[in-house]
Amino acid sequence: MLWLIIAGSIVGPWLMVLLRRCRPQAALVFDWLALAALYGFGLSSAAAVYTIRVNHTVMMTEVHRIFYDPVFLASAAYFGLYVLYAAWWSLTAAVPMRYFPDAVVKLTFGRKAEKER
């Protein structure tokens, strides 16, 4: 399972970078999903703290229940991938398409990638 997490955290952001290279509109989708993930992450965290405060329970033991919340886990997982994708994109955005493999160029639609070569 650990290897799956490590492989996913490497392959996932790179697939996002390649998809954005091929389809620039994907950036908007990734950004909107990150915004939704951030809201899900924050609201589920706030709800957990609110529940602890209302029930007057011990914070150190009850706060860990948030790790069973699927919204929290899914939001945190996507946001983690998004941050890695954003870091890789900022490093590779200035690299011209001619340095990418031909398979990536063939996936692009239109003549923009061919003109850049």
PDB file of N, CA and C in Angstrom:
ATOM      1  N   MET A   1       0.820  -1.193   0.000  1.00  0.00           N
ATOM      2  CA  MET A   1       0.000   0.000   0.000  1.00  0.00           C
ATOM      3  C   MET A   1       0.867   1.262   0.000  1.00  0.00           C
ATOM      4  N   LEU A   2       1.969   1.228   0.720  1.00  0.00           N
ATOM      5  CA  LEU A   2       2.858   2.379   0.761  1.00  0.00           C
ATOM      6  C   LEU A   2       3.432   2.674  -0.619  1.00  0.00           C
ATOM      7  N   TRP A   3       3.769   1.612  -1.371  1.00  0.00           N
ATOM      8  CA  TRP A   3       4.302   1.805  -2.717  1.00  0.00           C
ATOM      9  C   TRP A   3       3.260   2.424  -3.640  1.00  0.00           C
ATOM     10  N   LEU A   4       2.002   2.076  -3.446  1.00  0.00           N
ATOM     11  CA  LEU A   4       0.928   2.657  -4.244  1.00  0.00           C
ATOM     12  C   LEU A   4       0.797   4.157  -3.967  1.00  0.00           C
ATOM     13  N   ILE A   5       0.924   4.537  -2.723  1.00  0.00           N
ATOM     14  CA  ILE A   5       0.856   5.956  -2.353  1.00  0.00           C
ATOM     15  C   ILE A   5       2.041   6.717  -2.946  1.00  0.00           C
ATOM     16  N   ILE A   6       3.228   6.135  -2.845  1.00  0.00           N
ATOM     17  CA  ILE A   6       4.424   6.793  -3.383  1.00  0.00           C
ATOM     18  C   ILE A   6       4.330   6.914  -4.905  1.00  0.00           C
ATOM     19  N   ALA A   7       3.937   5.831  -5.568  1.00  0.00           N
ATOM     20  CA  ALA A   7       3.815   5.860  -7.029  1.00  0.00           C
ATOM     21  C   ALA A   7       2.734   6.848  -7.472  1.00  0.00           C
ATOM     22  N   GLY A   8       1.632   6.877  -6.755  1.00  0.00           N
ATOM     23  CA  GLY A   8       0.559   7.809  -7.098  1.00  0.00           C
ATOM     24  C   GLY A   8       0.956   9.254  -6.916  1.00  0.00           C
ATOM     25  N   SER A   9       1.772   9.521  -5.908  1.00  0.00           N
ATOM     26  CA  SER A   9       2.197  10.904  -5.682  1.00  0.00           C
ATOM     27  C   SER A   9       3.252  11.358  -6.681  1.00  0.00           C
ATOM     28  N   ILE A  10       3.853  10.424  -7.394  1.00  0.00           N
ATOM     29  CA  ILE A  10       4.806  10.788  -8.446  1.00  0.00           C
ATOM     30  C   ILE A  10       4.101  10.817  -9.807  1.00  0.00           C
ATOM     31  N   VAL A  11       3.360   9.774 -10.103  1.00  0.00           N
ATOM     32  CA  VAL A  11       2.727   9.647 -11.420  1.00  0.00           C
ATOM     33  C   VAL A  11       1.545  10.612 -11.578  1.00  0.00           C
ATOM     34  N   GLY A  12       0.743  10.768 -10.542  1.00  0.00           N
ATOM     35  CA  GLY A  12      -0.444  11.620 -10.620  1.00  0.00           C
ATOM     36  C   GLY A  12      -0.155  13.055 -11.033  1.00  0.00           C
ATOM     37  N   PRO A  13       0.739  13.754 -10.338  1.00  0.00           N
ATOM     38  CA  PRO A  13       1.045  15.129 -10.748  1.00  0.00           C
ATOM     39  C   PRO A  13       1.665  15.225 -12.144  1.00  0.00           C
ATOM     40  N   TRP A  14       2.477  14.236 -12.533  1.00  0.00           N
ATOM     41  CA  TRP A  14       3.061  14.278 -13.868  1.00  0.00           C
ATOM     42  C   TRP A  14       2.003  14.089 -14.940  1.00  0.00           C
ATOM     43  N   LEU A  15       1.016  13.230 -14.681  1.00  0.00           N
ATOM     44  CA  LEU A  15      -0.089  13.083 -15.634  1.00  0.00           C
ATOM     45  C   LEU A  15      -0.877  14.383 -15.743  1.00  0.00           C
ATOM     46  N   MET A  16      -1.033  15.068 -14.624  1.00  0.00           N
ATOM     47  CA  MET A  16      -1.730  16.355 -14.647  1.00  0.00           C
ATOM     48  C   MET A  16      -0.942  17.387 -15.458  1.00  0.00           C
ATOM     49  N   VAL A  17       0.385  17.396 -15.291  1.00  0.00           N
ATOM     50  CA  VAL A  17       1.227  18.331 -16.049  1.00  0.00           C
ATOM     51  C   VAL A  17       1.133  18.026 -17.543  1.00  0.00           C
ATOM     52  N   LEU A  18       1.227  16.745 -17.914  1.00  0.00           N
ATOM     53  CA  LEU A  18       1.140  16.377 -19.325  1.00  0.00           C
ATOM     54  C   LEU A  18      -0.231  16.697 -19.900  1.00  0.00           C
ATOM     55  N   LEU A  19      -1.279  16.461 -19.130  1.00  0.00           N
ATOM     56  CA  LEU A  19      -2.626  16.785 -19.592  1.00  0.00           C
ATOM     57  C   LEU A  19      -2.776  18.288 -19.792  1.00  0.00           C
ATOM     58  N   ARG A  20      -2.199  19.064 -18.912  1.00  0.00           N
ATOM     59  CA  ARG A  20      -2.263  20.520 -19.071  1.00  0.00           C
ATOM     60  C   ARG A  20      -1.450  20.968 -20.284  1.00  0.00           C
ATOM     61  N   ARG A  21      -0.331  20.286 -20.545  1.00  0.00           N
ATOM     62  CA  ARG A  21       0.453  20.600 -21.735  1.00  0.00           C
ATOM     63  C   ARG A  21      -0.358  20.334 -23.006  1.00  0.00           C
ATOM     64  N   CYS A  22      -1.095  19.222 -22.995  1.00  0.00           N
ATOM     65  CA  CYS A  22      -1.880  18.843 -24.168  1.00  0.00           C
ATOM     66  C   CYS A  22      -3.179  19.631 -24.275  1.00  0.00           C
ATOM     67  N   ARG A  23      -3.802  19.867 -23.171  1.00  0.00           N
ATOM     68  CA  ARG A  23      -5.082  20.579 -23.114  1.00  0.00           C
ATOM     69  C   ARG A  23      -4.985  21.706 -22.096  1.00  0.00           C
ATOM     70  N   PRO A  24      -4.686  22.909 -22.504  1.00  0.00           N
ATOM     71  CA  PRO A  24      -4.562  24.015 -21.549  1.00  0.00           C
ATOM     72  C   PRO A  24      -5.832  24.278 -20.734  1.00  0.00           C
ATOM     73  N   GLN A  25      -7.002  23.862 -21.266  1.00  0.00           N
ATOM     74  CA  GLN A  25      -8.248  24.040 -20.532  1.00  0.00           C
ATOM     75  C   GLN A  25      -8.291  23.190 -19.265  1.00  0.00           C
ATOM     76  N   ALA A  26      -7.451  22.183 -19.197  1.00  0.00           N
ATOM     77  CA  ALA A  26      -7.420  21.318 -18.013  1.00  0.00           C
ATOM     78  C   ALA A  26      -6.988  22.089 -16.773  1.00  0.00           C
ATOM     79  N   ALA A  27      -6.211  23.149 -16.959  1.00  0.00           N
ATOM     80  CA  ALA A  27      -5.753  23.943 -15.819  1.00  0.00           C
ATOM     81  C   ALA A  27      -6.931  24.520 -15.049  1.00  0.00           C
ATOM     82  N   LEU A  28      -7.951  24.964 -15.771  1.00  0.00           N
ATOM     83  CA  LEU A  28      -9.135  25.520 -15.117  1.00  0.00           C
ATOM     84  C   LEU A  28      -9.858  24.452 -14.305  1.00  0.00           C
ATOM     85  N   VAL A  29      -9.961  23.265 -14.856  1.00  0.00           N
ATOM     86  CA  VAL A  29     -10.609  22.157 -14.136  1.00  0.00           C
ATOM     87  C   VAL A  29      -9.811  21.800 -12.891  1.00  0.00           C
ATOM     88  N   PHE A  30      -8.499  21.711 -13.018  1.00  0.00           N
ATOM     89  CA  PHE A  30      -7.657  21.396 -11.863  1.00  0.00           C
ATOM     90  C   PHE A  30      -7.779  22.460 -10.776  1.00  0.00           C
ATOM     91  N   ASP A  31      -7.829  23.722 -11.186  1.00  0.00           N
ATOM     92  CA  ASP A  31      -7.947  24.809 -10.209  1.00  0.00           C
ATOM     93  C   ASP A  31      -9.287  24.785  -9.489  1.00  0.00           C
ATOM     94  N   TRP A  32     -10.365  24.543 -10.223  1.00  0.00           N
ATOM     95  CA  TRP A  32     -11.685  24.473  -9.589  1.00  0.00           C
ATOM     96  C   TRP A  32     -11.790  23.284  -8.639  1.00  0.00           C
ATOM     97  N   LEU A  33     -11.229  22.156  -9.042  1.00  0.00           N
ATOM     98  CA  LEU A  33     -11.231  20.990  -8.153  1.00  0.00           C
ATOM     99  C   LEU A  33     -10.407  21.256  -6.894  1.00  0.00           C
ATOM    100  N   ALA A  34      -9.302  21.974  -7.043  1.00  0.00           N
ATOM    101  CA  ALA A  34      -8.481  22.312  -5.878  1.00  0.00           C
ATOM    102  C   ALA A  34      -9.235  23.245  -4.939  1.00  0.00           C
ATOM    103  N   LEU A  35      -9.974  24.182  -5.503  1.00  0.00           N
ATOM    104  CA  LEU A  35     -10.763  25.080  -4.668  1.00  0.00           C
ATOM    105  C   LEU A  35     -11.845  24.307  -3.912  1.00  0.00           C
ATOM    106  N   ALA A  36     -12.515  23.398  -4.600  1.00  0.00           N
ATOM    107  CA  ALA A  36     -13.532  22.572  -3.936  1.00  0.00           C
ATOM    108  C   ALA A  36     -12.893  21.690  -2.866  1.00  0.00           C
ATOM    109  N   ALA A  37     -11.722  21.144  -3.152  1.00  0.00           N
ATOM    110  CA  ALA A  37     -11.026  20.302  -2.177  1.00  0.00           C
ATOM    111  C   ALA A  37     -10.619  21.116  -0.955  1.00  0.00           C
ATOM    112  N   LEU A  38     -10.187  22.341  -1.192  1.00  0.00           N
ATOM    113  CA  LEU A  38      -9.798  23.194  -0.075  1.00  0.00           C
ATOM    114  C   LEU A  38     -10.993  23.508   0.821  1.00  0.00           C
ATOM    115  N   TYR A  39     -12.135  23.777   0.198  1.00  0.00           N
ATOM    116  CA  TYR A  39     -13.348  24.000   0.988  1.00  0.00           C
ATOM    117  C   TYR A  39     -13.754  22.739   1.752  1.00  0.00           C
ATOM    118  N   GLY A  40     -13.706  21.592   1.088  1.00  0.00           N
ATOM    119  CA  GLY A  40     -14.059  20.343   1.771  1.00  0.00           C
ATOM    120  C   GLY A  40     -13.138  20.051   2.936  1.00  0.00           C
ATOM    121  N   PHE A  41     -11.861  20.269   2.728  1.00  0.00           N
ATOM    122  CA  PHE A  41     -10.851  20.056   3.764  1.00  0.00           C
ATOM    123  C   PHE A  41     -11.090  20.995   4.952  1.00  0.00           C
ATOM    124  N   GLY A  42     -11.281  22.264   4.659  1.00  0.00           N
ATOM    125  CA  GLY A  42     -11.467  23.250   5.726  1.00  0.00           C
ATOM    126  C   GLY A  42     -12.781  23.087   6.475  1.00  0.00           C
ATOM    127  N   LEU A  43     -13.857  22.846   5.734  1.00  0.00           N
ATOM    128  CA  LEU A  43     -15.159  22.715   6.387  1.00  0.00           C
ATOM    129  C   LEU A  43     -15.267  21.455   7.228  1.00  0.00           C
ATOM    130  N   SER A  44     -14.686  20.362   6.752  1.00  0.00           N
ATOM    131  CA  SER A  44     -14.739  19.146   7.570  1.00  0.00           C
ATOM    132  C   SER A  44     -13.862  19.292   8.813  1.00  0.00           C
ATOM    133  N   SER A  45     -12.748  19.996   8.696  1.00  0.00           N
ATOM    134  CA  SER A  45     -11.913  20.261   9.875  1.00  0.00           C
ATOM    135  C   SER A  45     -12.645  21.159  10.864  1.00  0.00           C
ATOM    136  N   ALA A  46     -13.275  22.201  10.361  1.00  0.00           N
ATOM    137  CA  ALA A  46     -14.020  23.114  11.231  1.00  0.00           C
ATOM    138  C   ALA A  46     -15.193  22.402  11.901  1.00  0.00           C
ATOM    139  N   ALA A  47     -15.867  21.526  11.167  1.00  0.00           N
ATOM    140  CA  ALA A  47     -16.990  20.781  11.746  1.00  0.00           C
ATOM    141  C   ALA A  47     -16.511  19.852  12.862  1.00  0.00           C
ATOM    142  N   ALA A  48     -15.354  19.241  12.673  1.00  0.00           N
ATOM    143  CA  ALA A  48     -14.818  18.350  13.709  1.00  0.00           C
ATOM    144  C   ALA A  48     -14.467  19.135  14.969  1.00  0.00           C
ATOM    145  N   VAL A  49     -13.845  20.286  14.815  1.00  0.00           N
ATOM    146  CA  VAL A  49     -13.497  21.105  15.976  1.00  0.00           C
ATOM    147  C   VAL A  49     -14.766  21.632  16.655  1.00  0.00           C
ATOM    148  N   TYR A  50     -15.740  22.037  15.858  1.00  0.00           N
ATOM    149  CA  TYR A  50     -17.006  22.533  16.417  1.00  0.00           C
ATOM    150  C   TYR A  50     -17.707  21.442  17.230  1.00  0.00           C
ATOM    151  N   THR A  51     -17.735  20.226  16.701  1.00  0.00           N
ATOM    152  CA  THR A  51     -18.367  19.117  17.408  1.00  0.00           C
ATOM    153  C   THR A  51     -17.662  18.836  18.730  1.00  0.00           C
ATOM    154  N   ILE A  52     -16.363  18.899  18.736  1.00  0.00           N
ATOM    155  CA  ILE A  52     -15.600  18.679  19.967  1.00  0.00           C
ATOM    156  C   ILE A  52     -15.917  19.758  20.994  1.00  0.00           C
ATOM    157  N   ARG A  53     -15.982  21.005  20.513  1.00  0.00           N
ATOM    158  CA  ARG A  53     -16.254  22.115  21.437  1.00  0.00           C
ATOM    159  C   ARG A  53     -17.676  22.050  22.004  1.00  0.00           C
ATOM    160  N   VAL A  54     -18.645  21.699  21.170  1.00  0.00           N
ATOM    161  CA  VAL A  54     -20.040  21.634  21.614  1.00  0.00           C
ATOM    162  C   VAL A  54     -20.241  20.491  22.601  1.00  0.00           C
ATOM    163  N   ASN A  55     -19.621  19.352  22.344  1.00  0.00           N
ATOM    164  CA  ASN A  55     -19.785  18.178  23.210  1.00  0.00           C
ATOM    165  C   ASN A  55     -18.886  18.206  24.436  1.00  0.00           C
ATOM    166  N   HIS A  56     -18.005  19.197  24.538  1.00  0.00           N
ATOM    167  CA  HIS A  56     -17.069  19.319  25.665  1.00  0.00           C
ATOM    168  C   HIS A  56     -16.258  18.035  25.863  1.00  0.00           C
ATOM    169  N   THR A  57     -15.761  17.494  24.761  1.00  0.00           N
ATOM    170  CA  THR A  57     -14.924  16.297  24.851  1.00  0.00           C
ATOM    171  C   THR A  57     -13.448  16.711  24.826  1.00  0.00           C
ATOM    172  N   VAL A  58     -12.593  15.748  25.060  1.00  0.00           N
ATOM    173  CA  VAL A  58     -11.165  16.021  25.098  1.00  0.00           C
ATOM    174  C   VAL A  58     -10.653  16.147  23.665  1.00  0.00           C
ATOM    175  N   MET A  59     -10.057  17.285  23.377  1.00  0.00           N
ATOM    176  CA  MET A  59      -9.619  17.588  22.014  1.00  0.00           C
ATOM    177  C   MET A  59      -8.578  16.593  21.507  1.00  0.00           C
ATOM    178  N   MET A  60      -7.634  16.207  22.320  1.00  0.00           N
ATOM    179  CA  MET A  60      -6.520  15.377  21.868  1.00  0.00           C
ATOM    180  C   MET A  60      -6.948  13.973  21.467  1.00  0.00           C
ATOM    181  N   THR A  61      -8.034  13.475  21.998  1.00  0.00           N
ATOM    182  CA  THR A  61      -8.466  12.130  21.623  1.00  0.00           C
ATOM    183  C   THR A  61      -9.544  12.158  20.549  1.00  0.00           C
ATOM    184  N   GLU A  62     -10.409  13.127  20.562  1.00  0.00           N
ATOM    185  CA  GLU A  62     -11.533  13.170  19.630  1.00  0.00           C
ATOM    186  C   GLU A  62     -11.173  13.752  18.268  1.00  0.00           C
ATOM    187  N   VAL A  63     -10.160  14.574  18.208  1.00  0.00           N
ATOM    188  CA  VAL A  63      -9.834  15.232  16.943  1.00  0.00           C
ATOM    189  C   VAL A  63      -9.373  14.239  15.882  1.00  0.00           C
ATOM    190  N   HIS A  64      -8.891  13.101  16.270  1.00  0.00           N
ATOM    191  CA  HIS A  64      -8.392  12.120  15.311  1.00  0.00           C
ATOM    192  C   HIS A  64      -9.511  11.387  14.578  1.00  0.00           C
ATOM    193  N   ARG A  65     -10.743  11.578  14.982  1.00  0.00           N
ATOM    194  CA  ARG A  65     -11.865  10.977  14.263  1.00  0.00           C
ATOM    195  C   ARG A  65     -12.021  11.564  12.860  1.00  0.00           C
ATOM    196  N   ILE A  66     -11.441  12.712  12.658  1.00  0.00           N
ATOM    197  CA  ILE A  66     -11.545  13.346  11.344  1.00  0.00           C
ATOM    198  C   ILE A  66     -10.878  12.500  10.259  1.00  0.00           C
ATOM    199  N   PHE A  67      -9.929  11.656  10.648  1.00  0.00           N
ATOM    200  CA  PHE A  67      -9.254  10.808   9.672  1.00  0.00           C
ATOM    201  C   PHE A  67     -10.158   9.704   9.132  1.00  0.00           C
ATOM    202  N   TYR A  68     -11.340   9.538   9.697  1.00  0.00           N
ATOM    203  CA  TYR A  68     -12.318   8.580   9.179  1.00  0.00           C
ATOM    204  C   TYR A  68     -13.320   9.249   8.250  1.00  0.00           C
ATOM    205  N   ASP A  69     -13.255  10.554   8.129  1.00  0.00           N
ATOM    206  CA  ASP A  69     -14.193  11.292   7.293  1.00  0.00           C
ATOM    207  C   ASP A  69     -13.755  11.192   5.829  1.00  0.00           C
ATOM    208  N   PRO A  70     -14.595  10.604   4.952  1.00  0.00           N
ATOM    209  CA  PRO A  70     -14.192  10.443   3.553  1.00  0.00           C
ATOM    210  C   PRO A  70     -14.022  11.776   2.817  1.00  0.00           C
ATOM    211  N   VAL A  71     -14.791  12.785   3.190  1.00  0.00           N
ATOM    212  CA  VAL A  71     -14.640  14.104   2.555  1.00  0.00           C
ATOM    213  C   VAL A  71     -13.271  14.683   2.885  1.00  0.00           C
ATOM    214  N   PHE A  72     -12.881  14.576   4.136  1.00  0.00           N
ATOM    215  CA  PHE A  72     -11.574  15.067   4.561  1.00  0.00           C
ATOM    216  C   PHE A  72     -10.454  14.333   3.826  1.00  0.00           C
ATOM    217  N   LEU A  73     -10.550  13.015   3.755  1.00  0.00           N
ATOM    218  CA  LEU A  73      -9.496  12.218   3.126  1.00  0.00           C
ATOM    219  C   LEU A  73      -9.406  12.483   1.629  1.00  0.00           C
ATOM    220  N   ALA A  74     -10.540  12.529   0.949  1.00  0.00           N
ATOM    221  CA  ALA A  74     -10.531  12.775  -0.500  1.00  0.00           C
ATOM    222  C   ALA A  74     -10.035  14.184  -0.808  1.00  0.00           C
ATOM    223  N   SER A  75     -10.473  15.152  -0.027  1.00  0.00           N
ATOM    224  CA  SER A  75     -10.043  16.533  -0.244  1.00  0.00           C
ATOM    225  C   SER A  75      -8.547  16.682  -0.007  1.00  0.00           C
ATOM    226  N   ALA A  76      -8.066  16.103   1.066  1.00  0.00           N
ATOM    227  CA  ALA A  76      -6.640  16.192   1.379  1.00  0.00           C
ATOM    228  C   ALA A  76      -5.802  15.475   0.320  1.00  0.00           C
ATOM    229  N   ALA A  77      -6.286  14.340  -0.159  1.00  0.00           N
ATOM    230  CA  ALA A  77      -5.546  13.596  -1.180  1.00  0.00           C
ATOM    231  C   ALA A  77      -5.446  14.397  -2.471  1.00  0.00           C
ATOM    232  N   TYR A  78      -6.555  14.960  -2.947  1.00  0.00           N
ATOM    233  CA  TYR A  78      -6.493  15.734  -4.183  1.00  0.00           C
ATOM    234  C   TYR A  78      -5.670  17.001  -3.999  1.00  0.00           C
ATOM    235  N   PHE A  79      -5.835  17.663  -2.872  1.00  0.00           N
ATOM    236  CA  PHE A  79      -5.098  18.903  -2.663  1.00  0.00           C
ATOM    237  C   PHE A  79      -3.594  18.634  -2.589  1.00  0.00           C
ATOM    238  N   GLY A  80      -3.214  17.509  -2.011  1.00  0.00           N
ATOM    239  CA  GLY A  80      -1.796  17.137  -1.996  1.00  0.00           C
ATOM    240  C   GLY A  80      -1.254  16.915  -3.400  1.00  0.00           C
ATOM    241  N   LEU A  81      -2.021  16.217  -4.244  1.00  0.00           N
ATOM    242  CA  LEU A  81      -1.614  16.022  -5.631  1.00  0.00           C
ATOM    243  C   LEU A  81      -1.569  17.348  -6.378  1.00  0.00           C
ATOM    244  N   TYR A  82      -2.530  18.221  -6.100  1.00  0.00           N
ATOM    245  CA  TYR A  82      -2.584  19.515  -6.773  1.00  0.00           C
ATOM    246  C   TYR A  82      -1.371  20.379  -6.431  1.00  0.00           C
ATOM    247  N   VAL A  83      -0.961  20.363  -5.183  1.00  0.00           N
ATOM    248  CA  VAL A  83       0.217  21.153  -4.784  1.00  0.00           C
ATOM    249  C   VAL A  83       1.467  20.622  -5.491  1.00  0.00           C
ATOM    250  N   LEU A  84       1.609  19.319  -5.581  1.00  0.00           N
ATOM    251  CA  LEU A  84       2.746  18.744  -6.307  1.00  0.00           C
ATOM    252  C   LEU A  84       2.670  19.083  -7.796  1.00  0.00           C
ATOM    253  N   TYR A  85       1.469  19.009  -8.367  1.00  0.00           N
ATOM    254  CA  TYR A  85       1.280  19.374  -9.777  1.00  0.00           C
ATOM    255  C   TYR A  85       1.648  20.836 -10.001  1.00  0.00           C
ATOM    256  N   ALA A  86       1.217  21.717  -9.118  1.00  0.00           N
ATOM    257  CA  ALA A  86       1.516  23.146  -9.270  1.00  0.00           C
ATOM    258  C   ALA A  86       3.019  23.401  -9.181  1.00  0.00           C
ATOM    259  N   ALA A  87       3.697  22.680  -8.307  1.00  0.00           N
ATOM    260  CA  ALA A  87       5.144  22.834  -8.190  1.00  0.00           C
ATOM    261  C   ALA A  87       5.844  22.356  -9.461  1.00  0.00           C
ATOM    262  N   TRP A  88       5.437  21.191  -9.977  1.00  0.00           N
ATOM    263  CA  TRP A  88       6.043  20.682 -11.205  1.00  0.00           C
ATOM    264  C   TRP A  88       5.708  21.583 -12.386  1.00  0.00           C
ATOM    265  N   TRP A  89       4.493  22.113 -12.424  1.00  0.00           N
ATOM    266  CA  TRP A  89       4.135  22.982 -13.534  1.00  0.00           C
ATOM    267  C   TRP A  89       4.972  24.256 -13.516  1.00  0.00           C
ATOM    268  N   SER A  90       5.201  24.813 -12.341  1.00  0.00           N
ATOM    269  CA  SER A  90       5.998  26.038 -12.275  1.00  0.00           C
ATOM    270  C   SER A  90       7.438  25.787 -12.715  1.00  0.00           C
ATOM    271  N   LEU A  91       7.913  24.569 -12.541  1.00  0.00           N
ATOM    272  CA  LEU A  91       9.273  24.239 -12.979  1.00  0.00           C
ATOM    273  C   LEU A  91       9.353  23.929 -14.469  1.00  0.00           C
ATOM    274  N   THR A  92       8.286  23.382 -15.044  1.00  0.00           N
ATOM    275  CA  THR A  92       8.337  22.937 -16.436  1.00  0.00           C
ATOM    276  C   THR A  92       7.586  23.844 -17.396  1.00  0.00           C
ATOM    277  N   ALA A  93       6.931  24.875 -16.940  1.00  0.00           N
ATOM    278  CA  ALA A  93       6.109  25.717 -17.823  1.00  0.00           C
ATOM    279  C   ALA A  93       6.961  26.436 -18.869  1.00  0.00           C
ATOM    280  N   ALA A  94       8.177  26.757 -18.548  1.00  0.00           N
ATOM    281  CA  ALA A  94       9.024  27.492 -19.484  1.00  0.00           C
ATOM    282  C   ALA A  94       9.715  26.582 -20.493  1.00  0.00           C
ATOM    283  N   VAL A  95       9.592  25.267 -20.334  1.00  0.00           N
ATOM    284  CA  VAL A  95      10.244  24.331 -21.244  1.00  0.00           C
ATOM    285  C   VAL A  95       9.431  24.256 -22.534  1.00  0.00           C
ATOM    286  N   PRO A  96      10.049  24.531 -23.698  1.00  0.00           N
ATOM    287  CA  PRO A  96       9.310  24.465 -24.961  1.00  0.00           C
ATOM    288  C   PRO A  96       8.843  23.054 -25.275  1.00  0.00           C
ATOM    289  N   MET A  97       7.813  22.945 -26.085  1.00  0.00           N
ATOM    290  CA  MET A  97       7.252  21.639 -26.447  1.00  0.00           C
ATOM    291  C   MET A  97       8.249  20.769 -27.204  1.00  0.00           C
ATOM    292  N   ARG A  98       9.246  21.355 -27.858  1.00  0.00           N
ATOM    293  CA  ARG A  98      10.176  20.540 -28.641  1.00  0.00           C
ATOM    294  C   ARG A  98      11.018  19.622 -27.758  1.00  0.00           C
ATOM    295  N   TYR A  99      11.063  19.889 -26.445  1.00  0.00           N
ATOM    296  CA  TYR A  99      11.815  19.029 -25.538  1.00  0.00           C
ATOM    297  C   TYR A  99      10.962  17.905 -24.964  1.00  0.00           C
ATOM    298  N   PHE A 100       9.682  17.916 -25.276  1.00  0.00           N
ATOM    299  CA  PHE A 100       8.808  16.852 -24.801  1.00  0.00           C
ATOM    300  C   PHE A 100       8.788  15.733 -25.836  1.00  0.00           C
ATOM    301  N   PRO A 101       8.504  14.513 -25.420  1.00  0.00           N
ATOM    302  CA  PRO A 101       8.474  13.395 -26.372  1.00  0.00           C
ATOM    303  C   PRO A 101       7.405  13.610 -27.445  1.00  0.00           C
ATOM    304  N   ASP A 102       7.598  12.960 -28.598  1.00  0.00           N
ATOM    305  CA  ASP A 102       6.645  13.085 -29.697  1.00  0.00           C
ATOM    306  C   ASP A 102       5.251  12.602 -29.324  1.00  0.00           C
ATOM    307  N   ALA A 103       5.164  11.639 -28.420  1.00  0.00           N
ATOM    308  CA  ALA A 103       3.858  11.135 -28.010  1.00  0.00           C
ATOM    309  C   ALA A 103       3.030  12.237 -27.365  1.00  0.00           C
ATOM    310  N   VAL A 104       3.672  13.107 -26.621  1.00  0.00           N
ATOM    311  CA  VAL A 104       2.952  14.208 -25.984  1.00  0.00           C
ATOM    312  C   VAL A 104       2.498  15.202 -27.034  1.00  0.00           C
ATOM    313  N   VAL A 105       3.337  15.471 -27.999  1.00  0.00           N
ATOM    314  CA  VAL A 105       2.990  16.421 -29.048  1.00  0.00           C
ATOM    315  C   VAL A 105       1.830  15.893 -29.885  1.00  0.00           C
ATOM    316  N   LYS A 106       1.806  14.589 -30.152  1.00  0.00           N
ATOM    317  CA  LYS A 106       0.733  14.002 -30.954  1.00  0.00           C
ATOM    318  C   LYS A 106      -0.612  14.075 -30.235  1.00  0.00           C
ATOM    319  N   LEU A 107      -0.597  14.122 -28.917  1.00  0.00           N
ATOM    320  CA  LEU A 107      -1.847  14.208 -28.170  1.00  0.00           C
ATOM    321  C   LEU A 107      -2.487  15.588 -28.266  1.00  0.00           C
ATOM    322  N   THR A 108      -1.710  16.585 -28.616  1.00  0.00           N
ATOM    323  CA  THR A 108      -2.253  17.940 -28.694  1.00  0.00           C
ATOM    324  C   THR A 108      -3.133  18.059 -29.921  1.00  0.00           C
ATOM    325  N   PHE A 109      -4.148  18.860 -29.791  1.00  0.00           N
ATOM    326  CA  PHE A 109      -5.040  19.106 -30.913  1.00  0.00           C
ATOM    327  C   PHE A 109      -4.775  20.506 -31.429  1.00  0.00           C
ATOM    328  N   GLY A 110      -4.701  20.667 -32.715  1.00  0.00           N
ATOM    329  CA  GLY A 110      -4.375  21.934 -33.315  1.00  0.00           C
ATOM    330  C   GLY A 110      -2.941  21.951 -33.800  1.00  0.00           C
ATOM    331  N   ARG A 111      -2.536  23.058 -34.342  1.00  0.00           N
ATOM    332  CA  ARG A 111      -1.218  23.176 -34.941  1.00  0.00           C
ATOM    333  C   ARG A 111      -0.234  23.930 -34.040  1.00  0.00           C
ATOM    334  N   LYS A 112      -0.674  24.350 -32.875  1.00  0.00           N
ATOM    335  CA  LYS A 112       0.175  25.162 -32.020  1.00  0.00           C
ATOM    336  C   LYS A 112       1.457  24.442 -31.628  1.00  0.00           C
ATOM    337  N   ALA A 113       1.355  23.174 -31.247  1.00  0.00           N
ATOM    338  CA  ALA A 113       2.531  22.412 -30.819  1.00  0.00           C
ATOM    339  C   ALA A 113       3.485  22.170 -31.972  1.00  0.00           C
ATOM    340  N   GLU A 114       2.941  21.922 -33.189  1.00  0.00           N
ATOM    341  CA  GLU A 114       3.790  21.684 -34.327  1.00  0.00           C
ATOM    342  C   GLU A 114       4.515  22.949 -34.755  1.00  0.00           C
ATOM    343  N   LYS A 115       3.874  24.105 -34.634  1.00  0.00           N
ATOM    344  CA  LYS A 115       4.505  25.366 -34.973  1.00  0.00           C
ATOM    345  C   LYS A 115       5.667  25.677 -34.034  1.00  0.00           C
ATOM    346  N   GLU A 116       5.520  25.270 -32.762  1.00  0.00           N
ATOM    347  CA  GLU A 116       6.551  25.556 -31.768  1.00  0.00           C
ATOM    348  C   GLU A 116       7.796  24.737 -32.010  1.00  0.00           C
ATOM    349  N   ARG A 117       7.661  23.606 -32.649  1.00  0.00           N
ATOM    350  CA  ARG A 117       8.805  22.741 -32.954  1.00  0.00           C
ATOM    351  C   ARG A 117       9.634  23.426 -33.974  1.00  0.00           C
TER     352      ARG A 117
END
